[in-house]
Amino acid sequence: MAKYMCVICGFVYDEAEGLPDEGIPPGTPFDDLPLNWTCPDCGARRDDFEIMPE
């Protein structure tokens, strides 16, 4: 599972953890997030996230 970081605010989406408080279960791949999903911290679009090196 990968992690993706928002280049605007630094929020990290961890696929292994998901975002259960937002209805996104653990194990949800970043590519499977809704197209209109935005960063929960700053509202940035999915395009503003970059995969983090392992």
PDB file of N, CA and C in Angstrom:
ATOM      1  N   MET A   1       0.844  -1.177   0.000  1.00  0.00           N
ATOM      2  CA  MET A   1       0.000   0.000   0.000  1.00  0.00           C
ATOM      3  C   MET A   1       0.894   1.247   0.000  1.00  0.00           C
ATOM      4  N   ALA A   2       0.460   2.238  -0.719  1.00  0.00           N
ATOM      5  CA  ALA A   2       1.259   3.452  -0.884  1.00  0.00           C
ATOM      6  C   ALA A   2       0.698   4.584  -0.021  1.00  0.00           C
ATOM      7  N   LYS A   3       1.510   5.635   0.082  1.00  0.00           N
ATOM      8  CA  LYS A   3       1.096   6.857   0.759  1.00  0.00           C
ATOM      9  C   LYS A   3       1.219   8.003  -0.231  1.00  0.00           C
ATOM     10  N   TYR A   4       0.280   8.928  -0.158  1.00  0.00           N
ATOM     11  CA  TYR A   4       0.260  10.092  -1.044  1.00  0.00           C
ATOM     12  C   TYR A   4       0.228  11.347  -0.194  1.00  0.00           C
ATOM     13  N   MET A   5       1.044  12.343  -0.567  1.00  0.00           N
ATOM     14  CA  MET A   5       1.121  13.578   0.199  1.00  0.00           C
ATOM     15  C   MET A   5       0.573  14.755  -0.597  1.00  0.00           C
ATOM     16  N   CYS A   6      -0.209  15.581   0.074  1.00  0.00           N
ATOM     17  CA  CYS A   6      -0.708  16.812  -0.520  1.00  0.00           C
ATOM     18  C   CYS A   6       0.456  17.794  -0.632  1.00  0.00           C
ATOM     19  N   VAL A   7       0.723  18.279  -1.842  1.00  0.00           N
ATOM     20  CA  VAL A   7       1.842  19.198  -2.030  1.00  0.00           C
ATOM     21  C   VAL A   7       1.511  20.598  -1.514  1.00  0.00           C
ATOM     22  N   ILE A   8       0.250  20.855  -1.197  1.00  0.00           N
ATOM     23  CA  ILE A   8      -0.151  22.161  -0.690  1.00  0.00           C
ATOM     24  C   ILE A   8       0.080  22.263   0.816  1.00  0.00           C
ATOM     25  N   CYS A   9      -0.412  21.249   1.573  1.00  0.00           N
ATOM     26  CA  CYS A   9      -0.358  21.368   3.035  1.00  0.00           C
ATOM     27  C   CYS A   9       0.421  20.263   3.734  1.00  0.00           C
ATOM     28  N   GLY A  10       0.777  19.204   3.005  1.00  0.00           N
ATOM     29  CA  GLY A  10       1.549  18.125   3.613  1.00  0.00           C
ATOM     30  C   GLY A  10       0.715  16.989   4.195  1.00  0.00           C
ATOM     31  N   PHE A  11      -0.609  17.043   4.080  1.00  0.00           N
ATOM     32  CA  PHE A  11      -1.456  15.953   4.555  1.00  0.00           C
ATOM     33  C   PHE A  11      -1.069  14.673   3.819  1.00  0.00           C
ATOM     34  N   VAL A  12      -1.049  13.549   4.545  1.00  0.00           N
ATOM     35  CA  VAL A  12      -0.683  12.271   3.943  1.00  0.00           C
ATOM     36  C   VAL A  12      -1.884  11.334   3.952  1.00  0.00           C
ATOM     37  N   TYR A  13      -2.242  10.833   2.760  1.00  0.00           N
ATOM     38  CA  TYR A  13      -3.258   9.792   2.645  1.00  0.00           C
ATOM     39  C   TYR A  13      -2.541   8.459   2.586  1.00  0.00           C
ATOM     40  N   ASP A  14      -2.792   7.613   3.576  1.00  0.00           N
ATOM     41  CA  ASP A  14      -2.182   6.288   3.651  1.00  0.00           C
ATOM     42  C   ASP A  14      -3.238   5.270   3.211  1.00  0.00           C
ATOM     43  N   GLU A  15      -2.975   4.588   2.094  1.00  0.00           N
ATOM     44  CA  GLU A  15      -3.942   3.624   1.580  1.00  0.00           C
ATOM     45  C   GLU A  15      -4.266   2.539   2.610  1.00  0.00           C
ATOM     46  N   ALA A  16      -3.280   2.128   3.394  1.00  0.00           N
ATOM     47  CA  ALA A  16      -3.490   1.071   4.387  1.00  0.00           C
ATOM     48  C   ALA A  16      -4.470   1.510   5.472  1.00  0.00           C
ATOM     49  N   GLU A  17      -4.450   2.800   5.820  1.00  0.00           N
ATOM     50  CA  GLU A  17      -5.310   3.307   6.893  1.00  0.00           C
ATOM     51  C   GLU A  17      -6.653   3.816   6.379  1.00  0.00           C
ATOM     52  N   GLY A  18      -6.696   4.289   5.134  1.00  0.00           N
ATOM     53  CA  GLY A  18      -7.924   4.900   4.620  1.00  0.00           C
ATOM     54  C   GLY A  18      -8.276   6.136   5.443  1.00  0.00           C
ATOM     55  N   LEU A  19      -9.529   6.535   5.369  1.00  0.00           N
ATOM     56  CA  LEU A  19     -10.038   7.653   6.176  1.00  0.00           C
ATOM     57  C   LEU A  19     -11.420   7.253   6.690  1.00  0.00           C
ATOM     58  N   PRO A  20     -11.447   6.346   7.683  1.00  0.00           N
ATOM     59  CA  PRO A  20     -12.730   5.826   8.161  1.00  0.00           C
ATOM     60  C   PRO A  20     -13.728   6.908   8.580  1.00  0.00           C
ATOM     61  N   ASP A  21     -13.249   8.023   9.118  1.00  0.00           N
ATOM     62  CA  ASP A  21     -14.151   9.107   9.529  1.00  0.00           C
ATOM     63  C   ASP A  21     -14.859   9.747   8.336  1.00  0.00           C
ATOM     64  N   GLU A  22     -14.283   9.561   7.140  1.00  0.00           N
ATOM     65  CA  GLU A  22     -14.889  10.101   5.926  1.00  0.00           C
ATOM     66  C   GLU A  22     -15.560   9.012   5.090  1.00  0.00           C
ATOM     67  N   GLY A  23     -15.667   7.819   5.655  1.00  0.00           N
ATOM     68  CA  GLY A  23     -16.308   6.725   4.948  1.00  0.00           C
ATOM     69  C   GLY A  23     -15.411   6.004   3.963  1.00  0.00           C
ATOM     70  N   ILE A  24     -14.099   6.198   4.077  1.00  0.00           N
ATOM     71  CA  ILE A  24     -13.145   5.527   3.180  1.00  0.00           C
ATOM     72  C   ILE A  24     -12.447   4.443   4.001  1.00  0.00           C
ATOM     73  N   PRO A  25     -12.788   3.180   3.739  1.00  0.00           N
ATOM     74  CA  PRO A  25     -12.246   2.095   4.570  1.00  0.00           C
ATOM     75  C   PRO A  25     -10.752   1.865   4.359  1.00  0.00           C
ATOM     76  N   PRO A  26     -10.095   1.286   5.383  1.00  0.00           N
ATOM     77  CA  PRO A  26      -8.683   0.915   5.220  1.00  0.00           C
ATOM     78  C   PRO A  26      -8.505   0.025   4.005  1.00  0.00           C
ATOM     79  N   GLY A  27      -7.379   0.207   3.320  1.00  0.00           N
ATOM     80  CA  GLY A  27      -7.075  -0.587   2.140  1.00  0.00           C
ATOM     81  C   GLY A  27      -7.593   0.007   0.844  1.00  0.00           C
ATOM     82  N   THR A  28      -8.191   1.213   0.907  1.00  0.00           N
ATOM     83  CA  THR A  28      -8.712   1.843  -0.308  1.00  0.00           C
ATOM     84  C   THR A  28      -7.572   2.505  -1.084  1.00  0.00           C
ATOM     85  N   PRO A  29      -7.309   2.035  -2.316  1.00  0.00           N
ATOM     86  CA  PRO A  29      -6.259   2.658  -3.133  1.00  0.00           C
ATOM     87  C   PRO A  29      -6.598   4.117  -3.460  1.00  0.00           C
ATOM     88  N   PHE A  30      -5.577   4.932  -3.557  1.00  0.00           N
ATOM     89  CA  PHE A  30      -5.766   6.344  -3.882  1.00  0.00           C
ATOM     90  C   PHE A  30      -6.566   6.498  -5.172  1.00  0.00           C
ATOM     91  N   ASP A  31      -6.274   5.655  -6.152  1.00  0.00           N
ATOM     92  CA  ASP A  31      -6.963   5.746  -7.448  1.00  0.00           C
ATOM     93  C   ASP A  31      -8.455   5.417  -7.353  1.00  0.00           C
ATOM     94  N   ASP A  32      -8.858   4.784  -6.262  1.00  0.00           N
ATOM     95  CA  ASP A  32     -10.270   4.444  -6.074  1.00  0.00           C
ATOM     96  C   ASP A  32     -11.039   5.498  -5.288  1.00  0.00           C
ATOM     97  N   LEU A  33     -10.354   6.556  -4.840  1.00  0.00           N
ATOM     98  CA  LEU A  33     -11.055   7.638  -4.156  1.00  0.00           C
ATOM     99  C   LEU A  33     -11.987   8.326  -5.154  1.00  0.00           C
ATOM    100  N   PRO A  34     -13.120   8.864  -4.688  1.00  0.00           N
ATOM    101  CA  PRO A  34     -14.019   9.565  -5.605  1.00  0.00           C
ATOM    102  C   PRO A  34     -13.287  10.676  -6.355  1.00  0.00           C
ATOM    103  N   LEU A  35     -13.665  10.903  -7.603  1.00  0.00           N
ATOM    104  CA  LEU A  35     -12.999  11.918  -8.427  1.00  0.00           C
ATOM    105  C   LEU A  35     -13.113  13.308  -7.811  1.00  0.00           C
ATOM    106  N   ASN A  36     -14.169  13.551  -7.039  1.00  0.00           N
ATOM    107  CA  ASN A  36     -14.350  14.873  -6.427  1.00  0.00           C
ATOM    108  C   ASN A  36     -13.801  14.937  -5.004  1.00  0.00           C
ATOM    109  N   TRP A  37     -13.052  13.896  -4.589  1.00  0.00           N
ATOM    110  CA  TRP A  37     -12.451  13.887  -3.254  1.00  0.00           C
ATOM    111  C   TRP A  37     -11.421  15.002  -3.152  1.00  0.00           C
ATOM    112  N   THR A  38     -11.383  15.663  -2.006  1.00  0.00           N
ATOM    113  CA  THR A  38     -10.397  16.722  -1.772  1.00  0.00           C
ATOM    114  C   THR A  38      -9.671  16.475  -0.455  1.00  0.00           C
ATOM    115  N   CYS A  39      -8.536  17.110  -0.310  1.00  0.00           N
ATOM    116  CA  CYS A  39      -7.741  17.002   0.912  1.00  0.00           C
ATOM    117  C   CYS A  39      -8.602  17.435   2.104  1.00  0.00           C
ATOM    118  N   PRO A  40      -8.680  16.596   3.142  1.00  0.00           N
ATOM    119  CA  PRO A  40      -9.502  16.965   4.298  1.00  0.00           C
ATOM    120  C   PRO A  40      -8.942  18.147   5.091  1.00  0.00           C
ATOM    121  N   ASP A  41      -7.664  18.453   4.914  1.00  0.00           N
ATOM    122  CA  ASP A  41      -7.070  19.569   5.656  1.00  0.00           C
ATOM    123  C   ASP A  41      -7.158  20.903   4.930  1.00  0.00           C
ATOM    124  N   CYS A  42      -6.941  20.896   3.599  1.00  0.00           N
ATOM    125  CA  CYS A  42      -6.880  22.188   2.897  1.00  0.00           C
ATOM    126  C   CYS A  42      -7.810  22.294   1.695  1.00  0.00           C
ATOM    127  N   GLY A  43      -8.466  21.183   1.313  1.00  0.00           N
ATOM    128  CA  GLY A  43      -9.393  21.229   0.184  1.00  0.00           C
ATOM    129  C   GLY A  43      -8.737  21.083  -1.178  1.00  0.00           C
ATOM    130  N   ALA A  44      -7.439  20.759  -1.212  1.00  0.00           N
ATOM    131  CA  ALA A  44      -6.745  20.583  -2.495  1.00  0.00           C
ATOM    132  C   ALA A  44      -7.340  19.401  -3.259  1.00  0.00           C
ATOM    133  N   ARG A  45      -7.223  19.461  -4.584  1.00  0.00           N
ATOM    134  CA  ARG A  45      -7.741  18.397  -5.444  1.00  0.00           C
ATOM    135  C   ARG A  45      -6.807  17.185  -5.447  1.00  0.00           C
ATOM    136  N   ARG A  46      -7.324  16.081  -5.946  1.00  0.00           N
ATOM    137  CA  ARG A  46      -6.502  14.859  -6.045  1.00  0.00           C
ATOM    138  C   ARG A  46      -5.242  15.102  -6.862  1.00  0.00           C
ATOM    139  N   ASP A  47      -5.314  15.972  -7.858  1.00  0.00           N
ATOM    140  CA  ASP A  47      -4.147  16.269  -8.702  1.00  0.00           C
ATOM    141  C   ASP A  47      -3.008  16.899  -7.907  1.00  0.00           C
ATOM    142  N   ASP A  48      -3.309  17.421  -6.719  1.00  0.00           N
ATOM    143  CA  ASP A  48      -2.299  18.077  -5.899  1.00  0.00           C
ATOM    144  C   ASP A  48      -1.611  17.103  -4.938  1.00  0.00           C
ATOM    145  N   PHE A  49      -1.810  15.801  -5.146  1.00  0.00           N
ATOM    146  CA  PHE A  49      -1.161  14.782  -4.320  1.00  0.00           C
ATOM    147  C   PHE A  49      -0.092  14.079  -5.143  1.00  0.00           C
ATOM    148  N   GLU A  50       1.005  13.739  -4.468  1.00  0.00           N
ATOM    149  CA  GLU A  50       2.105  12.990  -5.104  1.00  0.00           C
ATOM    150  C   GLU A  50       2.392  11.762  -4.273  1.00  0.00           C
ATOM    151  N   ILE A  51       2.708  10.664  -4.950  1.00  0.00           N
ATOM    152  CA  ILE A  51       3.051   9.447  -4.248  1.00  0.00           C
ATOM    153  C   ILE A  51       4.359   9.661  -3.501  1.00  0.00           C
ATOM    154  N   MET A  52       4.431   9.123  -2.297  1.00  0.00           N
ATOM    155  CA  MET A  52       5.633   9.265  -1.471  1.00  0.00           C
ATOM    156  C   MET A  52       6.545   8.063  -1.717  1.00  0.00           C
ATOM    157  N   PRO A  53       7.833   8.306  -1.777  1.00  0.00           N
ATOM    158  CA  PRO A  53       8.766   7.172  -1.925  1.00  0.00           C
ATOM    159  C   PRO A  53       8.702   6.289  -0.667  1.00  0.00           C
ATOM    160  N   GLU A  54       8.905   5.017  -0.871  1.00  0.00           N
ATOM    161  CA  GLU A  54       8.839   4.086   0.264  1.00  0.00           C
ATOM    162  C   GLU A  54      10.060   4.173   1.130  1.00  0.00           C
TER     163      GLU A  54
END
